[in-house]
Each structure stands twice: as C-alpha cells, then as structure tokens.
Amino acid sequence: MTIAFAGVFLGGIFLLFMGQHGPWSFALSMFMVSFSLGLSRPPSNNLALEQVDQDIGSASSLLIFTYFIFGAVSMWFISLEWADKIPVLGTTVIVCGALVFTAWFVIQKRGVKGIA
C-alpha cells in the first residue's frame, strides 16, 4: 500500500507539472493516479474492515457511501469555473495523496491490527 499511496502522490506531481503538455502526458499522469488508487483500494478496505468486530456489512456500506460522497464532492469541486482545471486537479491529487501517505505512516507506527 505504501507504493500505491506514493504512486498517487507522484501521479499528482506529474499531473501538475506535465499534464498540460498534451493529451498523452495528461492521460499517462491520470493513468498513474487511477492505477495507484485501484491498487490501494482492496487492501485498504480489507484493513479497515479488519478493525470491525461486528456489523461488518454496515461498515462496508459506510466505506462505499464515503467513496460516493467524496466522489460527488470532488466532481462538484472540479466542475467549478476554474481558468485551467488541470493544475487544480494536480494540486488536489498531491494534497490528498500527501495526507493519505502521511496518515499511512502514522497508522503503521501506532500498530493498528492487521498491519505487519
């Protein structure tokens, strides 16, 4: 998961600095972000659900609900009247990637159940 979270962060950097150089640079940057998110999602869901002792179905539903809410807010945010959406998208990915990457290291140091 460390590699996946780092991939999100690096993909955001590439998107911010190289995403405007043409459709291929944008597509490759977004591929890195999307691939890294897809790589991190199954183990992170598993890790979150390992913390739950009862009502696992409710916890799983809450995770999916959270994904949809963040997706809806993100779509609203990026659809605002920005002069150029690519730097906004890149900055957002960098900030979110850095927050998750930092949280991952903090959680590892705390010794949460299920993290080796």
PDB file of N, CA and C in Angstrom:
ATOM      1  N   MET A   1       0.817  -1.184   0.000  1.00  0.00           N
ATOM      2  CA  MET A   1       0.000   0.000   0.000  1.00  0.00           C
ATOM      3  C   MET A   1       0.863   1.250   0.000  1.00  0.00           C
ATOM      4  N   THR A   2       2.048   1.141   0.575  1.00  0.00           N
ATOM      5  CA  THR A   2       2.953   2.291   0.572  1.00  0.00           C
ATOM      6  C   THR A   2       3.276   2.706  -0.860  1.00  0.00           C
ATOM      7  N   ILE A   3       3.539   1.727  -1.707  1.00  0.00           N
ATOM      8  CA  ILE A   3       3.855   2.016  -3.116  1.00  0.00           C
ATOM      9  C   ILE A   3       2.645   2.644  -3.815  1.00  0.00           C
ATOM     10  N   ALA A   4       1.453   2.135  -3.522  1.00  0.00           N
ATOM     11  CA  ALA A   4       0.249   2.687  -4.146  1.00  0.00           C
ATOM     12  C   ALA A   4       0.017   4.138  -3.713  1.00  0.00           C
ATOM     13  N   PHE A   5       0.177   4.419  -2.422  1.00  0.00           N
ATOM     14  CA  PHE A   5      -0.019   5.790  -1.942  1.00  0.00           C
ATOM     15  C   PHE A   5       1.049   6.724  -2.515  1.00  0.00           C
ATOM     16  N   ALA A   6       2.268   6.230  -2.619  1.00  0.00           N
ATOM     17  CA  ALA A   6       3.328   7.033  -3.239  1.00  0.00           C
ATOM     18  C   ALA A   6       3.014   7.268  -4.712  1.00  0.00           C
ATOM     19  N   GLY A   7       2.423   6.263  -5.374  1.00  0.00           N
ATOM     20  CA  GLY A   7       2.038   6.411  -6.776  1.00  0.00           C
ATOM     21  C   GLY A   7       0.992   7.485  -6.990  1.00  0.00           C
ATOM     22  N   VAL A   8       0.041   7.589  -6.066  1.00  0.00           N
ATOM     23  CA  VAL A   8      -0.965   8.654  -6.149  1.00  0.00           C
ATOM     24  C   VAL A   8      -0.280  10.007  -6.042  1.00  0.00           C
ATOM     25  N   PHE A   9       0.588  10.143  -5.061  1.00  0.00           N
ATOM     26  CA  PHE A   9       1.294  11.410  -4.847  1.00  0.00           C
ATOM     27  C   PHE A   9       2.154  11.777  -6.058  1.00  0.00           C
ATOM     28  N   LEU A  10       2.931  10.827  -6.560  1.00  0.00           N
ATOM     29  CA  LEU A  10       3.783  11.100  -7.723  1.00  0.00           C
ATOM     30  C   LEU A  10       2.960  11.376  -8.976  1.00  0.00           C
ATOM     31  N   GLY A  11       1.848  10.658  -9.132  1.00  0.00           N
ATOM     32  CA  GLY A  11       0.960  10.925 -10.264  1.00  0.00           C
ATOM     33  C   GLY A  11       0.407  12.342 -10.217  1.00  0.00           C
ATOM     34  N   GLY A  12       0.113  12.830  -9.014  1.00  0.00           N
ATOM     35  CA  GLY A  12      -0.339  14.210  -8.857  1.00  0.00           C
ATOM     36  C   GLY A  12       0.731  15.207  -9.238  1.00  0.00           C
ATOM     37  N   ILE A  13       1.974  14.908  -8.878  1.00  0.00           N
ATOM     38  CA  ILE A  13       3.089  15.786  -9.261  1.00  0.00           C
ATOM     39  C   ILE A  13       3.247  15.809 -10.777  1.00  0.00           C
ATOM     40  N   PHE A  14       3.199  14.632 -11.392  1.00  0.00           N
ATOM     41  CA  PHE A  14       3.294  14.583 -12.852  1.00  0.00           C
ATOM     42  C   PHE A  14       2.129  15.331 -13.496  1.00  0.00           C
ATOM     43  N   LEU A  15       0.948  15.157 -12.936  1.00  0.00           N
ATOM     44  CA  LEU A  15      -0.231  15.837 -13.479  1.00  0.00           C
ATOM     45  C   LEU A  15      -0.091  17.348 -13.371  1.00  0.00           C
ATOM     46  N   LEU A  16       0.387  17.829 -12.244  1.00  0.00           N
ATOM     47  CA  LEU A  16       0.531  19.267 -12.039  1.00  0.00           C
ATOM     48  C   LEU A  16       1.564  19.870 -12.984  1.00  0.00           C
ATOM     49  N   PHE A  17       2.698  19.196 -13.125  1.00  0.00           N
ATOM     50  CA  PHE A  17       3.796  19.792 -13.884  1.00  0.00           C
ATOM     51  C   PHE A  17       3.867  19.358 -15.340  1.00  0.00           C
ATOM     52  N   MET A  18       3.280  18.228 -15.704  1.00  0.00           N
ATOM     53  CA  MET A  18       3.393  17.756 -17.081  1.00  0.00           C
ATOM     54  C   MET A  18       2.042  17.516 -17.741  1.00  0.00           C
ATOM     55  N   GLY A  19       0.945  17.611 -16.995  1.00  0.00           N
ATOM     56  CA  GLY A  19      -0.378  17.290 -17.523  1.00  0.00           C
ATOM     57  C   GLY A  19      -0.878  18.212 -18.603  1.00  0.00           C
ATOM     58  N   GLN A  20      -0.283  19.397 -18.722  1.00  0.00           N
ATOM     59  CA  GLN A  20      -0.739  20.374 -19.716  1.00  0.00           C
ATOM     60  C   GLN A  20       0.046  20.318 -21.020  1.00  0.00           C
ATOM     61  N   HIS A  21       0.965  19.377 -21.117  1.00  0.00           N
ATOM     62  CA  HIS A  21       1.821  19.326 -22.309  1.00  0.00           C
ATOM     63  C   HIS A  21       1.218  18.515 -23.443  1.00  0.00           C
ATOM     64  N   GLY A  22      -0.012  18.131 -23.319  1.00  0.00           N
ATOM     65  CA  GLY A  22      -0.668  17.391 -24.383  1.00  0.00           C
ATOM     66  C   GLY A  22      -1.533  16.288 -23.817  1.00  0.00           C
ATOM     67  N   PRO A  23      -2.330  15.686 -24.681  1.00  0.00           N
ATOM     68  CA  PRO A  23      -3.257  14.658 -24.194  1.00  0.00           C
ATOM     69  C   PRO A  23      -2.559  13.418 -23.640  1.00  0.00           C
ATOM     70  N   TRP A  24      -1.402  13.055 -24.214  1.00  0.00           N
ATOM     71  CA  TRP A  24      -0.707  11.857 -23.723  1.00  0.00           C
ATOM     72  C   TRP A  24      -0.105  12.077 -22.346  1.00  0.00           C
ATOM     73  N   SER A  25       0.446  13.242 -22.098  1.00  0.00           N
ATOM     74  CA  SER A  25       1.013  13.496 -20.772  1.00  0.00           C
ATOM     75  C   SER A  25      -0.098  13.547 -19.718  1.00  0.00           C
ATOM     76  N   PHE A  26      -1.251  14.097 -20.079  1.00  0.00           N
ATOM     77  CA  PHE A  26      -2.385  14.104 -19.159  1.00  0.00           C
ATOM     78  C   PHE A  26      -2.881  12.678 -18.914  1.00  0.00           C
ATOM     79  N   ALA A  27      -3.033  11.918 -19.995  1.00  0.00           N
ATOM     80  CA  ALA A  27      -3.543  10.548 -19.876  1.00  0.00           C
ATOM     81  C   ALA A  27      -2.599   9.660 -19.057  1.00  0.00           C
ATOM     82  N   LEU A  28      -1.302   9.786 -19.282  1.00  0.00           N
ATOM     83  CA  LEU A  28      -0.351   8.962 -18.529  1.00  0.00           C
ATOM     84  C   LEU A  28      -0.313   9.350 -17.054  1.00  0.00           C
ATOM     85  N   SER A  29      -0.415  10.639 -16.768  1.00  0.00           N
ATOM     86  CA  SER A  29      -0.466  11.080 -15.370  1.00  0.00           C
ATOM     87  C   SER A  29      -1.724  10.565 -14.687  1.00  0.00           C
ATOM     88  N   MET A  30      -2.856  10.673 -15.365  1.00  0.00           N
ATOM     89  CA  MET A  30      -4.109  10.187 -14.794  1.00  0.00           C
ATOM     90  C   MET A  30      -4.106   8.665 -14.677  1.00  0.00           C
ATOM     91  N   PHE A  31      -3.443   7.978 -15.623  1.00  0.00           N
ATOM     92  CA  PHE A  31      -3.317   6.523 -15.520  1.00  0.00           C
ATOM     93  C   PHE A  31      -2.573   6.150 -14.242  1.00  0.00           C
ATOM     94  N   MET A  32      -1.498   6.864 -13.950  1.00  0.00           N
ATOM     95  CA  MET A  32      -0.714   6.563 -12.747  1.00  0.00           C
ATOM     96  C   MET A  32      -1.556   6.781 -11.487  1.00  0.00           C
ATOM     97  N   VAL A  33      -2.312   7.862 -11.451  1.00  0.00           N
ATOM     98  CA  VAL A  33      -3.169   8.145 -10.294  1.00  0.00           C
ATOM     99  C   VAL A  33      -4.255   7.071 -10.173  1.00  0.00           C
ATOM    100  N   SER A  34      -4.951   6.792 -11.270  1.00  0.00           N
ATOM    101  CA  SER A  34      -6.051   5.820 -11.237  1.00  0.00           C
ATOM    102  C   SER A  34      -5.560   4.415 -10.918  1.00  0.00           C
ATOM    103  N   PHE A  35      -4.445   4.023 -11.512  1.00  0.00           N
ATOM    104  CA  PHE A  35      -3.891   2.697 -11.249  1.00  0.00           C
ATOM    105  C   PHE A  35      -3.492   2.564  -9.783  1.00  0.00           C
ATOM    106  N   SER A  36      -2.861   3.599  -9.249  1.00  0.00           N
ATOM    107  CA  SER A  36      -2.426   3.561  -7.854  1.00  0.00           C
ATOM    108  C   SER A  36      -3.617   3.516  -6.900  1.00  0.00           C
ATOM    109  N   LEU A  37      -4.664   4.274  -7.215  1.00  0.00           N
ATOM    110  CA  LEU A  37      -5.882   4.215  -6.392  1.00  0.00           C
ATOM    111  C   LEU A  37      -6.501   2.824  -6.443  1.00  0.00           C
ATOM    112  N   GLY A  38      -6.565   2.259  -7.631  1.00  0.00           N
ATOM    113  CA  GLY A  38      -7.103   0.907  -7.772  1.00  0.00           C
ATOM    114  C   GLY A  38      -6.265  -0.131  -7.064  1.00  0.00           C
ATOM    115  N   LEU A  39      -4.966   0.090  -7.029  1.00  0.00           N
ATOM    116  CA  LEU A  39      -4.058  -0.827  -6.346  1.00  0.00           C
ATOM    117  C   LEU A  39      -4.215  -0.749  -4.833  1.00  0.00           C
ATOM    118  N   SER A  40      -4.516   0.426  -4.318  1.00  0.00           N
ATOM    119  CA  SER A  40      -4.607   0.602  -2.866  1.00  0.00           C
ATOM    120  C   SER A  40      -5.981   0.258  -2.298  1.00  0.00           C
ATOM    121  N   ARG A  41      -7.002   0.298  -3.105  1.00  0.00           N
ATOM    122  CA  ARG A  41      -8.357   0.169  -2.564  1.00  0.00           C
ATOM    123  C   ARG A  41      -8.667  -1.195  -1.948  1.00  0.00           C
ATOM    124  N   PRO A  42      -8.397  -2.327  -2.594  1.00  0.00           N
ATOM    125  CA  PRO A  42      -8.741  -3.604  -1.947  1.00  0.00           C
ATOM    126  C   PRO A  42      -8.015  -3.836  -0.612  1.00  0.00           C
ATOM    127  N   PRO A  43      -6.690  -3.630  -0.535  1.00  0.00           N
ATOM    128  CA  PRO A  43      -6.065  -3.874   0.767  1.00  0.00           C
ATOM    129  C   PRO A  43      -6.461  -2.851   1.830  1.00  0.00           C
ATOM    130  N   SER A  44      -6.729  -1.619   1.429  1.00  0.00           N
ATOM    131  CA  SER A  44      -7.147  -0.624   2.425  1.00  0.00           C
ATOM    132  C   SER A  44      -8.552  -0.936   2.934  1.00  0.00           C
ATOM    133  N   ASN A  45      -9.451  -1.386   2.053  1.00  0.00           N
ATOM    134  CA  ASN A  45     -10.775  -1.813   2.507  1.00  0.00           C
ATOM    135  C   ASN A  45     -10.657  -2.985   3.473  1.00  0.00           C
ATOM    136  N   ASN A  46      -9.818  -3.943   3.116  1.00  0.00           N
ATOM    137  CA  ASN A  46      -9.613  -5.104   3.979  1.00  0.00           C
ATOM    138  C   ASN A  46      -9.071  -4.678   5.339  1.00  0.00           C
ATOM    139  N   LEU A  47      -8.111  -3.787   5.325  1.00  0.00           N
ATOM    140  CA  LEU A  47      -7.516  -3.310   6.576  1.00  0.00           C
ATOM    141  C   LEU A  47      -8.554  -2.592   7.439  1.00  0.00           C
ATOM    142  N   ALA A  48      -9.372  -1.767   6.822  1.00  0.00           N
ATOM    143  CA  ALA A  48     -10.410  -1.057   7.580  1.00  0.00           C
ATOM    144  C   ALA A  48     -11.434  -2.027   8.149  1.00  0.00           C
ATOM    145  N   LEU A  49     -11.825  -3.009   7.356  1.00  0.00           N
ATOM    146  CA  LEU A  49     -12.839  -3.955   7.828  1.00  0.00           C
ATOM    147  C   LEU A  49     -12.290  -4.930   8.869  1.00  0.00           C
ATOM    148  N   GLU A  50     -10.973  -5.141   8.909  1.00  0.00           N
ATOM    149  CA  GLU A  50     -10.382  -5.974   9.955  1.00  0.00           C
ATOM    150  C   GLU A  50     -10.509  -5.334  11.333  1.00  0.00           C
ATOM    151  N   GLN A  51     -10.708  -4.027  11.376  1.00  0.00           N
ATOM    152  CA  GLN A  51     -10.830  -3.321  12.646  1.00  0.00           C
ATOM    153  C   GLN A  51     -12.225  -3.471  13.256  1.00  0.00           C
ATOM    154  N   VAL A  52     -13.174  -4.001  12.481  1.00  0.00           N
ATOM    155  CA  VAL A  52     -14.564  -4.100  12.909  1.00  0.00           C
ATOM    156  C   VAL A  52     -14.830  -5.503  13.431  1.00  0.00           C
ATOM    157  N   ASP A  53     -15.439  -5.583  14.604  1.00  0.00           N
ATOM    158  CA  ASP A  53     -15.737  -6.885  15.210  1.00  0.00           C
ATOM    159  C   ASP A  53     -17.167  -7.355  14.940  1.00  0.00           C
ATOM    160  N   GLN A  54     -18.079  -6.429  14.719  1.00  0.00           N
ATOM    161  CA  GLN A  54     -19.469  -6.797  14.452  1.00  0.00           C
ATOM    162  C   GLN A  54     -20.054  -5.829  13.432  1.00  0.00           C
ATOM    163  N   ASP A  55     -21.147  -6.213  12.828  1.00  0.00           N
ATOM    164  CA  ASP A  55     -21.820  -5.401  11.801  1.00  0.00           C
ATOM    165  C   ASP A  55     -20.874  -5.024  10.669  1.00  0.00           C
ATOM    166  N   ILE A  56     -20.168  -6.006  10.152  1.00  0.00           N
ATOM    167  CA  ILE A  56     -19.198  -5.761   9.079  1.00  0.00           C
ATOM    168  C   ILE A  56     -19.906  -5.262   7.813  1.00  0.00           C
ATOM    169  N   GLY A  57     -21.109  -5.747   7.564  1.00  0.00           N
ATOM    170  CA  GLY A  57     -21.865  -5.272   6.403  1.00  0.00           C
ATOM    171  C   GLY A  57     -22.153  -3.782   6.488  1.00  0.00           C
ATOM    172  N   SER A  58     -22.480  -3.315   7.675  1.00  0.00           N
ATOM    173  CA  SER A  58     -22.725  -1.879   7.862  1.00  0.00           C
ATOM    174  C   SER A  58     -21.447  -1.076   7.659  1.00  0.00           C
ATOM    175  N   ALA A  59     -20.348  -1.609   8.160  1.00  0.00           N
ATOM    176  CA  ALA A  59     -19.066  -0.919   7.983  1.00  0.00           C
ATOM    177  C   ALA A  59     -18.686  -0.864   6.507  1.00  0.00           C
ATOM    178  N   SER A  60     -18.906  -1.949   5.793  1.00  0.00           N
ATOM    179  CA  SER A  60     -18.617  -1.982   4.355  1.00  0.00           C
ATOM    180  C   SER A  60     -19.499  -0.982   3.609  1.00  0.00           C
ATOM    181  N   SER A  61     -20.777  -0.912   3.976  1.00  0.00           N
ATOM    182  CA  SER A  61     -21.683   0.054   3.356  1.00  0.00           C
ATOM    183  C   SER A  61     -21.241   1.489   3.629  1.00  0.00           C
ATOM    184  N   LEU A  62     -20.751   1.732   4.843  1.00  0.00           N
ATOM    185  CA  LEU A  62     -20.258   3.067   5.182  1.00  0.00           C
ATOM    186  C   LEU A  62     -19.044   3.431   4.336  1.00  0.00           C
ATOM    187  N   LEU A  63     -18.157   2.472   4.097  1.00  0.00           N
ATOM    188  CA  LEU A  63     -17.000   2.725   3.231  1.00  0.00           C
ATOM    189  C   LEU A  63     -17.446   3.124   1.829  1.00  0.00           C
ATOM    190  N   ILE A  64     -18.353   2.345   1.250  1.00  0.00           N
ATOM    191  CA  ILE A  64     -18.823   2.629  -0.105  1.00  0.00           C
ATOM    192  C   ILE A  64     -19.556   3.969  -0.146  1.00  0.00           C
ATOM    193  N   PHE A  65     -20.373   4.257   0.868  1.00  0.00           N
ATOM    194  CA  PHE A  65     -21.060   5.539   0.956  1.00  0.00           C
ATOM    195  C   PHE A  65     -20.049   6.683   0.979  1.00  0.00           C
ATOM    196  N   THR A  66     -18.995   6.508   1.757  1.00  0.00           N
ATOM    197  CA  THR A  66     -17.948   7.532   1.845  1.00  0.00           C
ATOM    198  C   THR A  66     -17.281   7.751   0.492  1.00  0.00           C
ATOM    199  N   TYR A  67     -17.008   6.673  -0.231  1.00  0.00           N
ATOM    200  CA  TYR A  67     -16.423   6.816  -1.574  1.00  0.00           C
ATOM    201  C   TYR A  67     -17.333   7.642  -2.482  1.00  0.00           C
ATOM    202  N   PHE A  68     -18.636   7.349  -2.442  1.00  0.00           N
ATOM    203  CA  PHE A  68     -19.568   8.071  -3.291  1.00  0.00           C
ATOM    204  C   PHE A  68     -19.669   9.541  -2.900  1.00  0.00           C
ATOM    205  N   ILE A  69     -19.681   9.827  -1.603  1.00  0.00           N
ATOM    206  CA  ILE A  69     -19.776  11.222  -1.155  1.00  0.00           C
ATOM    207  C   ILE A  69     -18.533  11.994  -1.575  1.00  0.00           C
ATOM    208  N   PHE A  70     -17.346  11.413  -1.337  1.00  0.00           N
ATOM    209  CA  PHE A  70     -16.115  12.092  -1.754  1.00  0.00           C
ATOM    210  C   PHE A  70     -16.072  12.256  -3.270  1.00  0.00           C
ATOM    211  N   GLY A  71     -16.560  11.273  -4.000  1.00  0.00           N
ATOM    212  CA  GLY A  71     -16.617  11.384  -5.457  1.00  0.00           C
ATOM    213  C   GLY A  71     -17.532  12.505  -5.907  1.00  0.00           C
ATOM    214  N   ALA A  72     -18.697  12.610  -5.278  1.00  0.00           N
ATOM    215  CA  ALA A  72     -19.642  13.667  -5.633  1.00  0.00           C
ATOM    216  C   ALA A  72     -19.073  15.041  -5.308  1.00  0.00           C
ATOM    217  N   VAL A  73     -18.474  15.192  -4.137  1.00  0.00           N
ATOM    218  CA  VAL A  73     -17.882  16.480  -3.761  1.00  0.00           C
ATOM    219  C   VAL A  73     -16.732  16.828  -4.699  1.00  0.00           C
ATOM    220  N   SER A  74     -15.944  15.833  -5.053  1.00  0.00           N
ATOM    221  CA  SER A  74     -14.820  16.073  -5.972  1.00  0.00           C
ATOM    222  C   SER A  74     -15.305  16.497  -7.348  1.00  0.00           C
ATOM    223  N   MET A  75     -16.365  15.859  -7.842  1.00  0.00           N
ATOM    224  CA  MET A  75     -16.910  16.244  -9.143  1.00  0.00           C
ATOM    225  C   MET A  75     -17.451  17.668  -9.106  1.00  0.00           C
ATOM    226  N   TRP A  76     -18.113  18.036  -8.007  1.00  0.00           N
ATOM    227  CA  TRP A  76     -18.595  19.407  -7.868  1.00  0.00           C
ATOM    228  C   TRP A  76     -17.420  20.378  -7.852  1.00  0.00           C
ATOM    229  N   PHE A  77     -16.390  20.046  -7.079  1.00  0.00           N
ATOM    230  CA  PHE A  77     -15.238  20.933  -6.926  1.00  0.00           C
ATOM    231  C   PHE A  77     -14.524  21.165  -8.252  1.00  0.00           C
ATOM    232  N   ILE A  78     -14.267  20.100  -9.003  1.00  0.00           N
ATOM    233  CA  ILE A  78     -13.509  20.254 -10.245  1.00  0.00           C
ATOM    234  C   ILE A  78     -14.370  20.886 -11.343  1.00  0.00           C
ATOM    235  N   SER A  79     -15.710  20.840 -11.200  1.00  0.00           N
ATOM    236  CA  SER A  79     -16.567  21.439 -12.223  1.00  0.00           C
ATOM    237  C   SER A  79     -16.795  22.939 -12.011  1.00  0.00           C
ATOM    238  N   LEU A  80     -16.234  23.497 -10.955  1.00  0.00           N
ATOM    239  CA  LEU A  80     -16.335  24.943 -10.759  1.00  0.00           C
ATOM    240  C   LEU A  80     -15.610  25.666 -11.890  1.00  0.00           C
ATOM    241  N   GLU A  81     -15.851  26.928 -12.041  1.00  0.00           N
ATOM    242  CA  GLU A  81     -15.298  27.712 -13.146  1.00  0.00           C
ATOM    243  C   GLU A  81     -13.822  28.055 -12.910  1.00  0.00           C
ATOM    244  N   TRP A  82     -12.958  27.073 -13.056  1.00  0.00           N
ATOM    245  CA  TRP A  82     -11.524  27.295 -12.938  1.00  0.00           C
ATOM    246  C   TRP A  82     -10.986  27.763 -14.282  1.00  0.00           C
ATOM    247  N   ALA A  83      -9.973  28.626 -14.261  1.00  0.00           N
ATOM    248  CA  ALA A  83      -9.349  29.074 -15.507  1.00  0.00           C
ATOM    249  C   ALA A  83      -8.707  27.893 -16.225  1.00  0.00           C
ATOM    250  N   ASP A  84      -8.060  27.022 -15.458  1.00  0.00           N
ATOM    251  CA  ASP A  84      -7.445  25.816 -16.008  1.00  0.00           C
ATOM    252  C   ASP A  84      -7.614  24.700 -14.986  1.00  0.00           C
ATOM    253  N   LYS A  85      -8.322  23.667 -15.352  1.00  0.00           N
ATOM    254  CA  LYS A  85      -8.670  22.607 -14.413  1.00  0.00           C
ATOM    255  C   LYS A  85      -7.519  21.643 -14.116  1.00  0.00           C
ATOM    256  N   ILE A  86      -6.580  21.487 -15.006  1.00  0.00           N
ATOM    257  CA  ILE A  86      -5.510  20.508 -14.813  1.00  0.00           C
ATOM    258  C   ILE A  86      -4.635  20.853 -13.606  1.00  0.00           C
ATOM    259  N   PRO A  87      -4.177  22.095 -13.427  1.00  0.00           N
ATOM    260  CA  PRO A  87      -3.403  22.391 -12.208  1.00  0.00           C
ATOM    261  C   PRO A  87      -4.217  22.222 -10.920  1.00  0.00           C
ATOM    262  N   VAL A  88      -5.500  22.527 -10.977  1.00  0.00           N
ATOM    263  CA  VAL A  88      -6.355  22.335  -9.802  1.00  0.00           C
ATOM    264  C   VAL A  88      -6.457  20.851  -9.473  1.00  0.00           C
ATOM    265  N   LEU A  89      -6.664  20.038 -10.500  1.00  0.00           N
ATOM    266  CA  LEU A  89      -6.739  18.591 -10.314  1.00  0.00           C
ATOM    267  C   LEU A  89      -5.419  18.046  -9.779  1.00  0.00           C
ATOM    268  N   GLY A  90      -4.312  18.491 -10.356  1.00  0.00           N
ATOM    269  CA  GLY A  90      -2.993  18.043  -9.901  1.00  0.00           C
ATOM    270  C   GLY A  90      -2.718  18.435  -8.458  1.00  0.00           C
ATOM    271  N   THR A  91      -3.051  19.653  -8.097  1.00  0.00           N
ATOM    272  CA  THR A  91      -2.842  20.116  -6.722  1.00  0.00           C
ATOM    273  C   THR A  91      -3.713  19.332  -5.745  1.00  0.00           C
ATOM    274  N   THR A  92      -4.955  19.083  -6.131  1.00  0.00           N
ATOM    275  CA  THR A  92      -5.852  18.311  -5.284  1.00  0.00           C
ATOM    276  C   THR A  92      -5.327  16.900  -5.065  1.00  0.00           C
ATOM    277  N   VAL A  93      -4.845  16.267  -6.128  1.00  0.00           N
ATOM    278  CA  VAL A  93      -4.300  14.912  -6.011  1.00  0.00           C
ATOM    279  C   VAL A  93      -3.055  14.914  -5.129  1.00  0.00           C
ATOM    280  N   ILE A  94      -2.196  15.914  -5.278  1.00  0.00           N
ATOM    281  CA  ILE A  94      -0.982  15.993  -4.454  1.00  0.00           C
ATOM    282  C   ILE A  94      -1.346  16.141  -2.975  1.00  0.00           C
ATOM    283  N   VAL A  95      -2.272  17.044  -2.673  1.00  0.00           N
ATOM    284  CA  VAL A  95      -2.659  17.279  -1.274  1.00  0.00           C
ATOM    285  C   VAL A  95      -3.297  16.023  -0.680  1.00  0.00           C
ATOM    286  N   CYS A  96      -4.234  15.430  -1.395  1.00  0.00           N
ATOM    287  CA  CYS A  96      -4.892  14.225  -0.889  1.00  0.00           C
ATOM    288  C   CYS A  96      -3.899  13.065  -0.775  1.00  0.00           C
ATOM    289  N   GLY A  97      -3.036  12.924  -1.781  1.00  0.00           N
ATOM    290  CA  GLY A  97      -2.022  11.870  -1.731  1.00  0.00           C
ATOM    291  C   GLY A  97      -1.070  12.041  -0.566  1.00  0.00           C
ATOM    292  N   ALA A  98      -0.656  13.279  -0.303  1.00  0.00           N
ATOM    293  CA  ALA A  98       0.244  13.544   0.822  1.00  0.00           C
ATOM    294  C   ALA A  98      -0.442  13.262   2.153  1.00  0.00           C
ATOM    295  N   LEU A  99      -1.720  13.625   2.270  1.00  0.00           N
ATOM    296  CA  LEU A  99      -2.452  13.360   3.511  1.00  0.00           C
ATOM    297  C   LEU A  99      -2.586  11.861   3.775  1.00  0.00           C
ATOM    298  N   VAL A 100      -2.941  11.106   2.750  1.00  0.00           N
ATOM    299  CA  VAL A 100      -3.102   9.659   2.909  1.00  0.00           C
ATOM    300  C   VAL A 100      -1.754   8.992   3.178  1.00  0.00           C
ATOM    301  N   PHE A 101      -0.735   9.429   2.469  1.00  0.00           N
ATOM    302  CA  PHE A 101       0.612   8.878   2.658  1.00  0.00           C
ATOM    303  C   PHE A 101       1.086   9.126   4.089  1.00  0.00           C
ATOM    304  N   THR A 102       0.869  10.328   4.598  1.00  0.00           N
ATOM    305  CA  THR A 102       1.250  10.662   5.972  1.00  0.00           C
ATOM    306  C   THR A 102       0.426   9.857   6.977  1.00  0.00           C
ATOM    307  N   ALA A 103      -0.885   9.779   6.742  1.00  0.00           N
ATOM    308  CA  ALA A 103      -1.745   9.007   7.640  1.00  0.00           C
ATOM    309  C   ALA A 103      -1.331   7.536   7.668  1.00  0.00           C
ATOM    310  N   TRP A 104      -0.918   7.011   6.535  1.00  0.00           N
ATOM    311  CA  TRP A 104      -0.483   5.618   6.455  1.00  0.00           C
ATOM    312  C   TRP A 104       0.725   5.372   7.362  1.00  0.00           C
ATOM    313  N   PHE A 105       1.682   6.284   7.348  1.00  0.00           N
ATOM    314  CA  PHE A 105       2.854   6.113   8.207  1.00  0.00           C
ATOM    315  C   PHE A 105       2.502   6.283   9.688  1.00  0.00           C
ATOM    316  N   VAL A 106       1.591   7.182   9.994  1.00  0.00           N
ATOM    317  CA  VAL A 106       1.156   7.362  11.388  1.00  0.00           C
ATOM    318  C   VAL A 106       0.441   6.102  11.877  1.00  0.00           C
ATOM    319  N   ILE A 107      -0.429   5.541  11.039  1.00  0.00           N
ATOM    320  CA  ILE A 107      -1.150   4.325  11.412  1.00  0.00           C
ATOM    321  C   ILE A 107      -0.183   3.168  11.603  1.00  0.00           C
ATOM    322  N   GLN A 108       0.822   3.064  10.758  1.00  0.00           N
ATOM    323  CA  GLN A 108       1.802   1.988  10.901  1.00  0.00           C
ATOM    324  C   GLN A 108       2.554   2.100  12.224  1.00  0.00           C
ATOM    325  N   LYS A 109       2.896   3.301  12.630  1.00  0.00           N
ATOM    326  CA  LYS A 109       3.623   3.491  13.882  1.00  0.00           C
ATOM    327  C   LYS A 109       2.751   3.169  15.095  1.00  0.00           C
ATOM    328  N   ARG A 110       1.445   3.382  14.986  1.00  0.00           N
ATOM    329  CA  ARG A 110       0.531   3.081  16.085  1.00  0.00           C
ATOM    330  C   ARG A 110       0.318   1.593  16.257  1.00  0.00           C
ATOM    331  N   GLY A 111       0.633   0.817  15.229  1.00  0.00           N
ATOM    332  CA  GLY A 111       0.470  -0.641  15.328  1.00  0.00           C
ATOM    333  C   GLY A 111      -0.966  -1.092  15.257  1.00  0.00           C
ATOM    334  N   VAL A 112      -1.713  -0.587  14.288  1.00  0.00           N
ATOM    335  CA  VAL A 112      -3.113  -0.984  14.116  1.00  0.00           C
ATOM    336  C   VAL A 112      -3.183  -2.452  13.729  1.00  0.00           C
ATOM    337  N   LYS A 113      -4.188  -3.140  14.254  1.00  0.00           N
ATOM    338  CA  LYS A 113      -4.387  -4.567  13.991  1.00  0.00           C
ATOM    339  C   LYS A 113      -4.429  -4.826  12.472  1.00  0.00           C
ATOM    340  N   GLY A 114      -3.650  -5.772  12.020  1.00  0.00           N
ATOM    341  CA  GLY A 114      -3.648  -6.153  10.616  1.00  0.00           C
ATOM    342  C   GLY A 114      -2.514  -5.573   9.796  1.00  0.00           C
ATOM    343  N   ILE A 115      -1.754  -4.624  10.360  1.00  0.00           N
ATOM    344  CA  ILE A 115      -0.621  -4.048   9.632  1.00  0.00           C
ATOM    345  C   ILE A 115       0.639  -4.751  10.110  1.00  0.00           C
ATOM    346  N   ALA A 116       1.351  -5.313   9.166  1.00  0.00           N
ATOM    347  CA  ALA A 116       2.581  -6.047   9.522  1.00  0.00           C
ATOM    348  C   ALA A 116       3.729  -5.112   9.761  1.00  0.00           C
TER     349      ALA A 116
END
